[in-house]
Amino acid sequence: RELAGKPYGVFFGFTHCPEVCPTTLYEMSTMLAGLGPEAKDFRLFFITVDPERDTAPFLKDYLANFDPRIEALVPTPDELQQVAKAYRAYYAKVKTSDGGYTMDHTATVYLMNGKGQLQSTIAFGEAAETRKAKLEKLLAEG
């Protein structure tokens, strides 16, 4: 209900991600801060693909480093499978040589319009001007 009629973003990631996730969250934080009041109602939902390690308290601490409009969602494994399918997002647990694991995942921010429909995406590594233009268009059109 809180999102009714408002554009928002969705990003699948995890806190132990070495590069893509912190970089994406930092870039989105910087962009949101730069847009000022124009983006005051925008929310970016960070959906963990590693609910085994990414508990709600852990995610709260992790996201404290980024813009407060970035909110964590911790789905159950079944919910994660359903929401990833809905967004056509990929994720997989990958074993590491030290006996642990990491997560492979789609590195895209999904930009959703106020009707909950996909309007655009921001790919990892996309030019700052392009990212900003996509977000500005989303905010202008709702």
N, C-alpha and C. Protein backbone atom coordinates (compact mmCIF):
# COMPACT_ATOMS: atom_id res chain seq x y z
N ARG A 1 0.82 -1.21 0.00
CA ARG A 1 0.00 0.00 0.00
C ARG A 1 0.85 1.25 0.00
N GLU A 2 1.93 1.19 0.75
CA GLU A 2 2.84 2.33 0.86
C GLU A 2 3.41 2.71 -0.50
N LEU A 3 3.52 1.73 -1.41
CA LEU A 3 4.11 1.97 -2.72
C LEU A 3 3.08 2.31 -3.79
N ALA A 4 1.81 2.22 -3.49
CA ALA A 4 0.78 2.42 -4.49
C ALA A 4 1.00 3.73 -5.25
N GLY A 5 1.17 3.60 -6.55
CA GLY A 5 1.35 4.75 -7.41
C GLY A 5 2.74 5.35 -7.42
N LYS A 6 3.66 4.76 -6.67
CA LYS A 6 5.02 5.30 -6.60
C LYS A 6 6.01 4.36 -7.28
N PRO A 7 6.94 4.94 -8.03
CA PRO A 7 7.97 4.09 -8.64
C PRO A 7 8.95 3.58 -7.59
N TYR A 8 9.57 2.46 -7.88
CA TYR A 8 10.53 1.86 -6.95
C TYR A 8 11.53 1.01 -7.74
N GLY A 9 12.56 0.57 -7.05
CA GLY A 9 13.56 -0.28 -7.66
C GLY A 9 13.71 -1.58 -6.89
N VAL A 10 14.21 -2.60 -7.58
CA VAL A 10 14.46 -3.90 -6.97
C VAL A 10 15.85 -4.34 -7.38
N PHE A 11 16.63 -4.80 -6.40
CA PHE A 11 17.97 -5.31 -6.66
C PHE A 11 18.18 -6.58 -5.86
N PHE A 12 18.61 -7.64 -6.53
CA PHE A 12 18.91 -8.91 -5.88
C PHE A 12 20.40 -8.96 -5.58
N GLY A 13 20.76 -9.26 -4.33
CA GLY A 13 22.17 -9.31 -3.97
C GLY A 13 22.37 -9.99 -2.63
N PHE A 14 23.56 -9.83 -2.07
CA PHE A 14 23.86 -10.42 -0.77
C PHE A 14 25.00 -9.66 -0.11
N THR A 15 25.07 -9.72 1.20
CA THR A 15 26.01 -8.89 1.95
C THR A 15 27.46 -9.34 1.83
N HIS A 16 27.70 -10.60 1.54
CA HIS A 16 29.07 -11.09 1.40
C HIS A 16 29.60 -10.90 -0.03
N CYS A 17 28.85 -10.23 -0.85
CA CYS A 17 29.23 -9.94 -2.24
C CYS A 17 30.45 -9.02 -2.22
N PRO A 18 31.52 -9.41 -2.92
CA PRO A 18 32.75 -8.62 -2.84
C PRO A 18 32.77 -7.32 -3.65
N GLU A 19 31.98 -7.23 -4.72
CA GLU A 19 32.11 -6.06 -5.58
C GLU A 19 30.78 -5.51 -6.10
N VAL A 20 30.01 -6.34 -6.78
CA VAL A 20 28.81 -5.87 -7.47
C VAL A 20 27.81 -5.22 -6.52
N CYS A 21 27.49 -5.89 -5.43
CA CYS A 21 26.46 -5.37 -4.52
C CYS A 21 26.86 -4.07 -3.83
N PRO A 22 28.02 -4.03 -3.17
CA PRO A 22 28.35 -2.75 -2.52
C PRO A 22 28.53 -1.61 -3.51
N THR A 23 29.06 -1.91 -4.69
CA THR A 23 29.23 -0.87 -5.71
C THR A 23 27.87 -0.36 -6.18
N THR A 24 26.96 -1.28 -6.47
CA THR A 24 25.63 -0.90 -6.93
C THR A 24 24.90 -0.08 -5.87
N LEU A 25 24.94 -0.53 -4.63
CA LEU A 25 24.25 0.19 -3.55
C LEU A 25 24.86 1.57 -3.32
N TYR A 26 26.18 1.67 -3.44
CA TYR A 26 26.85 2.96 -3.30
C TYR A 26 26.43 3.90 -4.44
N GLU A 27 26.46 3.39 -5.67
CA GLU A 27 26.10 4.21 -6.82
C GLU A 27 24.64 4.67 -6.74
N MET A 28 23.75 3.78 -6.32
CA MET A 28 22.34 4.16 -6.18
C MET A 28 22.18 5.19 -5.05
N SER A 29 22.91 5.02 -3.96
CA SER A 29 22.86 5.98 -2.85
C SER A 29 23.30 7.36 -3.31
N THR A 30 24.40 7.41 -4.03
CA THR A 30 24.93 8.68 -4.54
C THR A 30 23.94 9.34 -5.50
N MET A 31 23.36 8.53 -6.37
CA MET A 31 22.42 9.06 -7.34
C MET A 31 21.16 9.59 -6.65
N LEU A 32 20.64 8.86 -5.68
CA LEU A 32 19.45 9.31 -4.95
C LEU A 32 19.72 10.61 -4.20
N ALA A 33 20.87 10.70 -3.57
CA ALA A 33 21.23 11.92 -2.85
C ALA A 33 21.32 13.10 -3.80
N GLY A 34 21.85 12.87 -4.99
CA GLY A 34 22.00 13.93 -5.98
C GLY A 34 20.68 14.40 -6.56
N LEU A 35 19.67 13.55 -6.54
CA LEU A 35 18.37 13.92 -7.09
C LEU A 35 17.54 14.74 -6.10
N GLY A 36 17.92 14.71 -4.85
CA GLY A 36 17.24 15.51 -3.83
C GLY A 36 15.77 15.18 -3.67
N PRO A 37 14.92 16.22 -3.46
CA PRO A 37 13.50 16.01 -3.17
C PRO A 37 12.75 15.28 -4.28
N GLU A 38 13.26 15.37 -5.50
CA GLU A 38 12.62 14.69 -6.63
C GLU A 38 12.49 13.18 -6.37
N ALA A 39 13.43 12.63 -5.60
CA ALA A 39 13.45 11.18 -5.36
C ALA A 39 13.05 10.83 -3.92
N LYS A 40 12.40 11.76 -3.22
CA LYS A 40 12.11 11.52 -1.79
C LYS A 40 11.23 10.30 -1.54
N ASP A 41 10.34 9.96 -2.44
CA ASP A 41 9.44 8.82 -2.24
C ASP A 41 9.94 7.53 -2.87
N PHE A 42 11.07 7.60 -3.56
CA PHE A 42 11.61 6.40 -4.22
C PHE A 42 12.18 5.44 -3.18
N ARG A 43 11.95 4.16 -3.39
CA ARG A 43 12.54 3.11 -2.54
C ARG A 43 13.24 2.11 -3.44
N LEU A 44 14.39 1.64 -2.97
CA LEU A 44 15.10 0.54 -3.63
C LEU A 44 15.07 -0.63 -2.68
N PHE A 45 14.50 -1.73 -3.13
CA PHE A 45 14.41 -2.93 -2.30
C PHE A 45 15.57 -3.86 -2.63
N PHE A 46 16.39 -4.10 -1.64
CA PHE A 46 17.54 -5.00 -1.74
C PHE A 46 17.05 -6.37 -1.25
N ILE A 47 16.82 -7.28 -2.18
CA ILE A 47 16.33 -8.61 -1.85
C ILE A 47 17.52 -9.55 -1.77
N THR A 48 17.77 -10.10 -0.60
CA THR A 48 18.91 -10.99 -0.45
C THR A 48 18.69 -12.31 -1.18
N VAL A 49 19.73 -12.77 -1.85
CA VAL A 49 19.71 -14.10 -2.47
C VAL A 49 20.42 -15.10 -1.57
N ASP A 50 20.78 -14.64 -0.37
CA ASP A 50 21.48 -15.48 0.61
C ASP A 50 20.81 -15.37 1.98
N PRO A 51 19.53 -15.79 2.06
CA PRO A 51 18.82 -15.65 3.34
C PRO A 51 19.42 -16.49 4.46
N GLU A 52 20.25 -17.45 4.11
CA GLU A 52 20.92 -18.29 5.11
C GLU A 52 21.85 -17.45 5.99
N ARG A 53 22.59 -16.52 5.38
CA ARG A 53 23.53 -15.68 6.13
C ARG A 53 22.99 -14.28 6.37
N ASP A 54 22.17 -13.78 5.47
CA ASP A 54 21.68 -12.40 5.55
C ASP A 54 20.40 -12.31 6.38
N THR A 55 20.57 -12.29 7.68
CA THR A 55 19.43 -12.13 8.57
C THR A 55 19.00 -10.67 8.57
N ALA A 56 17.79 -10.41 9.03
CA ALA A 56 17.28 -9.04 9.07
C ALA A 56 18.20 -8.11 9.88
N PRO A 57 18.66 -8.51 11.09
CA PRO A 57 19.55 -7.62 11.84
C PRO A 57 20.88 -7.38 11.11
N PHE A 58 21.42 -8.41 10.48
CA PHE A 58 22.69 -8.27 9.75
C PHE A 58 22.50 -7.31 8.58
N LEU A 59 21.41 -7.45 7.85
CA LEU A 59 21.13 -6.57 6.72
C LEU A 59 20.91 -5.13 7.17
N LYS A 60 20.27 -4.95 8.30
CA LYS A 60 20.05 -3.59 8.82
C LYS A 60 21.39 -2.90 9.05
N ASP A 61 22.33 -3.60 9.66
CA ASP A 61 23.66 -3.04 9.90
C ASP A 61 24.38 -2.76 8.58
N TYR A 62 24.29 -3.69 7.65
CA TYR A 62 24.95 -3.56 6.35
C TYR A 62 24.41 -2.34 5.59
N LEU A 63 23.09 -2.21 5.55
CA LEU A 63 22.48 -1.12 4.79
C LEU A 63 22.61 0.24 5.47
N ALA A 64 23.03 0.27 6.72
CA ALA A 64 23.26 1.54 7.42
C ALA A 64 24.35 2.35 6.71
N ASN A 65 25.15 1.69 5.88
CA ASN A 65 26.22 2.36 5.14
C ASN A 65 25.73 3.06 3.87
N PHE A 66 24.45 2.87 3.55
CA PHE A 66 23.91 3.38 2.29
C PHE A 66 22.70 4.28 2.54
N ASP A 67 22.14 4.82 1.47
CA ASP A 67 20.98 5.70 1.57
C ASP A 67 19.83 5.01 2.30
N PRO A 68 19.14 5.73 3.20
CA PRO A 68 18.05 5.11 3.95
C PRO A 68 16.85 4.69 3.10
N ARG A 69 16.79 5.13 1.86
CA ARG A 69 15.70 4.70 0.97
C ARG A 69 15.94 3.30 0.41
N ILE A 70 17.09 2.72 0.74
CA ILE A 70 17.38 1.34 0.36
C ILE A 70 16.95 0.45 1.52
N GLU A 71 16.00 -0.41 1.26
CA GLU A 71 15.42 -1.26 2.30
C GLU A 71 15.68 -2.73 1.99
N ALA A 72 15.95 -3.50 3.03
CA ALA A 72 16.24 -4.93 2.87
C ALA A 72 14.97 -5.76 2.95
N LEU A 73 14.92 -6.78 2.12
CA LEU A 73 13.88 -7.79 2.20
C LEU A 73 14.56 -9.14 2.33
N VAL A 74 14.12 -9.92 3.31
CA VAL A 74 14.70 -11.25 3.55
C VAL A 74 13.61 -12.29 3.29
N PRO A 75 13.57 -12.82 2.08
CA PRO A 75 12.55 -13.82 1.77
C PRO A 75 12.93 -15.20 2.30
N THR A 76 11.93 -16.05 2.44
CA THR A 76 12.22 -17.46 2.70
C THR A 76 12.77 -18.03 1.39
N PRO A 77 13.40 -19.19 1.42
CA PRO A 77 13.87 -19.78 0.16
C PRO A 77 12.76 -19.93 -0.89
N ASP A 78 11.57 -20.31 -0.47
CA ASP A 78 10.45 -20.44 -1.43
C ASP A 78 10.03 -19.08 -1.99
N GLU A 79 9.95 -18.08 -1.12
CA GLU A 79 9.60 -16.73 -1.57
C GLU A 79 10.65 -16.19 -2.53
N LEU A 80 11.92 -16.44 -2.22
CA LEU A 80 13.00 -15.99 -3.09
C LEU A 80 12.87 -16.60 -4.48
N GLN A 81 12.59 -17.88 -4.52
CA GLN A 81 12.43 -18.57 -5.80
C GLN A 81 11.28 -17.93 -6.60
N GLN A 82 10.18 -17.63 -5.93
CA GLN A 82 9.02 -17.04 -6.61
C GLN A 82 9.30 -15.63 -7.11
N VAL A 83 9.89 -14.79 -6.25
CA VAL A 83 10.13 -13.40 -6.65
C VAL A 83 11.22 -13.33 -7.73
N ALA A 84 12.24 -14.16 -7.63
CA ALA A 84 13.28 -14.18 -8.66
C ALA A 84 12.69 -14.60 -10.00
N LYS A 85 11.80 -15.57 -9.97
CA LYS A 85 11.14 -16.01 -11.20
C LYS A 85 10.31 -14.88 -11.79
N ALA A 86 9.58 -14.16 -10.94
CA ALA A 86 8.74 -13.05 -11.40
C ALA A 86 9.57 -11.97 -12.09
N TYR A 87 10.78 -11.73 -11.60
CA TYR A 87 11.66 -10.71 -12.19
C TYR A 87 12.62 -11.29 -13.23
N ARG A 88 12.55 -12.60 -13.40
CA ARG A 88 13.48 -13.31 -14.29
C ARG A 88 14.93 -13.06 -13.87
N ALA A 89 15.12 -13.06 -12.56
CA ALA A 89 16.45 -12.86 -11.99
C ALA A 89 17.09 -14.22 -11.71
N TYR A 90 18.38 -14.27 -11.88
CA TYR A 90 19.15 -15.50 -11.68
C TYR A 90 19.91 -15.41 -10.36
N TYR A 91 19.98 -16.53 -9.66
CA TYR A 91 20.86 -16.64 -8.49
C TYR A 91 21.21 -18.11 -8.30
N ALA A 92 22.39 -18.35 -7.79
CA ALA A 92 22.83 -19.72 -7.52
C ALA A 92 23.92 -19.71 -6.46
N LYS A 93 23.88 -20.71 -5.61
CA LYS A 93 24.92 -20.90 -4.60
C LYS A 93 26.10 -21.59 -5.29
N VAL A 94 27.30 -21.04 -5.09
CA VAL A 94 28.50 -21.58 -5.74
C VAL A 94 29.52 -21.91 -4.65
N LYS A 95 29.96 -23.15 -4.63
CA LYS A 95 30.96 -23.57 -3.63
C LYS A 95 32.30 -22.92 -3.94
N THR A 96 33.02 -22.56 -2.88
CA THR A 96 34.35 -21.98 -3.04
C THR A 96 35.40 -23.01 -2.63
N SER A 97 36.64 -22.78 -3.03
CA SER A 97 37.72 -23.74 -2.78
C SER A 97 38.02 -23.93 -1.29
N ASP A 98 37.63 -22.97 -0.46
CA ASP A 98 37.89 -23.09 0.97
C ASP A 98 36.78 -23.83 1.72
N GLY A 99 35.83 -24.39 0.99
CA GLY A 99 34.75 -25.14 1.60
C GLY A 99 33.51 -24.31 1.90
N GLY A 100 33.60 -23.02 1.70
CA GLY A 100 32.46 -22.14 1.91
C GLY A 100 31.64 -22.00 0.64
N TYR A 101 30.96 -20.89 0.53
CA TYR A 101 30.20 -20.63 -0.69
C TYR A 101 30.07 -19.14 -0.93
N THR A 102 29.73 -18.82 -2.16
CA THR A 102 29.38 -17.46 -2.54
C THR A 102 28.09 -17.57 -3.35
N MET A 103 27.58 -16.46 -3.79
CA MET A 103 26.35 -16.46 -4.58
C MET A 103 26.63 -15.80 -5.92
N ASP A 104 26.14 -16.43 -6.96
CA ASP A 104 26.15 -15.84 -8.29
C ASP A 104 24.75 -15.27 -8.49
N HIS A 105 24.64 -14.08 -9.08
CA HIS A 105 23.31 -13.48 -9.21
C HIS A 105 23.27 -12.43 -10.31
N THR A 106 22.07 -12.13 -10.75
CA THR A 106 21.83 -11.07 -11.71
C THR A 106 22.29 -9.75 -11.10
N ALA A 107 23.01 -8.96 -11.89
CA ALA A 107 23.55 -7.69 -11.39
C ALA A 107 22.81 -6.52 -12.02
N THR A 108 21.51 -6.50 -11.83
CA THR A 108 20.64 -5.51 -12.46
C THR A 108 19.73 -4.87 -11.42
N VAL A 109 19.52 -3.57 -11.55
CA VAL A 109 18.50 -2.88 -10.76
C VAL A 109 17.27 -2.78 -11.67
N TYR A 110 16.16 -3.32 -11.20
CA TYR A 110 14.90 -3.27 -11.94
C TYR A 110 14.16 -2.00 -11.51
N LEU A 111 13.83 -1.15 -12.47
CA LEU A 111 13.11 0.10 -12.18
C LEU A 111 11.64 -0.10 -12.52
N MET A 112 10.81 -0.03 -11.50
CA MET A 112 9.39 -0.32 -11.63
C MET A 112 8.58 0.97 -11.54
N ASN A 113 7.60 1.11 -12.44
CA ASN A 113 6.78 2.32 -12.42
C ASN A 113 5.72 2.22 -11.32
N GLY A 114 4.93 3.26 -11.17
CA GLY A 114 3.93 3.32 -10.12
C GLY A 114 2.83 2.29 -10.24
N LYS A 115 2.74 1.63 -11.39
CA LYS A 115 1.76 0.56 -11.59
C LYS A 115 2.37 -0.81 -11.28
N GLY A 116 3.64 -0.80 -10.85
CA GLY A 116 4.31 -2.06 -10.55
C GLY A 116 4.81 -2.79 -11.78
N GLN A 117 4.94 -2.07 -12.88
CA GLN A 117 5.42 -2.66 -14.14
C GLN A 117 6.87 -2.26 -14.38
N LEU A 118 7.61 -3.18 -14.98
CA LEU A 118 9.00 -2.89 -15.31
C LEU A 118 9.07 -1.78 -16.34
N GLN A 119 9.78 -0.71 -16.02
CA GLN A 119 9.96 0.38 -16.97
C GLN A 119 11.33 0.33 -17.61
N SER A 120 12.34 -0.01 -16.80
CA SER A 120 13.70 0.00 -17.30
C SER A 120 14.58 -0.80 -16.34
N THR A 121 15.84 -0.97 -16.74
CA THR A 121 16.81 -1.62 -15.87
C THR A 121 18.10 -0.81 -15.87
N ILE A 122 18.85 -0.96 -14.80
CA ILE A 122 20.19 -0.39 -14.72
C ILE A 122 21.14 -1.56 -14.56
N ALA A 123 22.04 -1.70 -15.51
CA ALA A 123 23.00 -2.80 -15.49
C ALA A 123 24.25 -2.40 -14.71
N PHE A 124 24.90 -3.38 -14.11
CA PHE A 124 26.15 -3.12 -13.40
C PHE A 124 27.17 -2.56 -14.38
N GLY A 125 27.81 -1.47 -14.02
CA GLY A 125 28.83 -0.88 -14.87
C GLY A 125 28.30 0.11 -15.89
N GLU A 126 26.99 0.32 -15.91
CA GLU A 126 26.40 1.27 -16.85
C GLU A 126 26.88 2.68 -16.49
N ALA A 127 27.06 3.51 -17.50
CA ALA A 127 27.55 4.87 -17.30
C ALA A 127 26.65 5.65 -16.35
N ALA A 128 27.25 6.48 -15.51
CA ALA A 128 26.51 7.26 -14.51
C ALA A 128 25.43 8.13 -15.16
N GLU A 129 25.73 8.74 -16.30
CA GLU A 129 24.75 9.60 -16.96
C GLU A 129 23.54 8.80 -17.41
N THR A 130 23.78 7.59 -17.90
CA THR A 130 22.70 6.72 -18.36
C THR A 130 21.83 6.28 -17.19
N ARG A 131 22.48 5.89 -16.09
CA ARG A 131 21.74 5.48 -14.89
C ARG A 131 20.85 6.62 -14.40
N LYS A 132 21.43 7.80 -14.32
CA LYS A 132 20.69 8.96 -13.82
C LYS A 132 19.52 9.30 -14.74
N ALA A 133 19.73 9.25 -16.04
CA ALA A 133 18.66 9.56 -17.00
C ALA A 133 17.51 8.56 -16.86
N LYS A 134 17.82 7.30 -16.66
CA LYS A 134 16.77 6.28 -16.49
C LYS A 134 15.97 6.53 -15.22
N LEU A 135 16.66 6.85 -14.14
CA LEU A 135 15.96 7.09 -12.88
C LEU A 135 15.13 8.38 -12.95
N GLU A 136 15.68 9.41 -13.57
CA GLU A 136 14.93 10.67 -13.71
C GLU A 136 13.67 10.46 -14.54
N LYS A 137 13.78 9.68 -15.60
CA LYS A 137 12.61 9.40 -16.45
C LYS A 137 11.56 8.64 -15.65
N LEU A 138 11.99 7.65 -14.88
CA LEU A 138 11.06 6.88 -14.05
C LEU A 138 10.34 7.79 -13.06
N LEU A 139 11.08 8.66 -12.40
CA LEU A 139 10.49 9.56 -11.40
C LEU A 139 9.53 10.56 -12.05
N ALA A 140 9.88 11.04 -13.24
CA ALA A 140 9.03 12.01 -13.93
C ALA A 140 7.72 11.38 -14.41
N GLU A 141 7.80 10.13 -14.85
CA GLU A 141 6.62 9.47 -15.40
C GLU A 141 5.81 8.73 -14.35
N GLY A 142 6.45 8.48 -13.19
CA GLY A 142 5.75 7.76 -12.13
C GLY A 142 5.61 6.35 -12.48
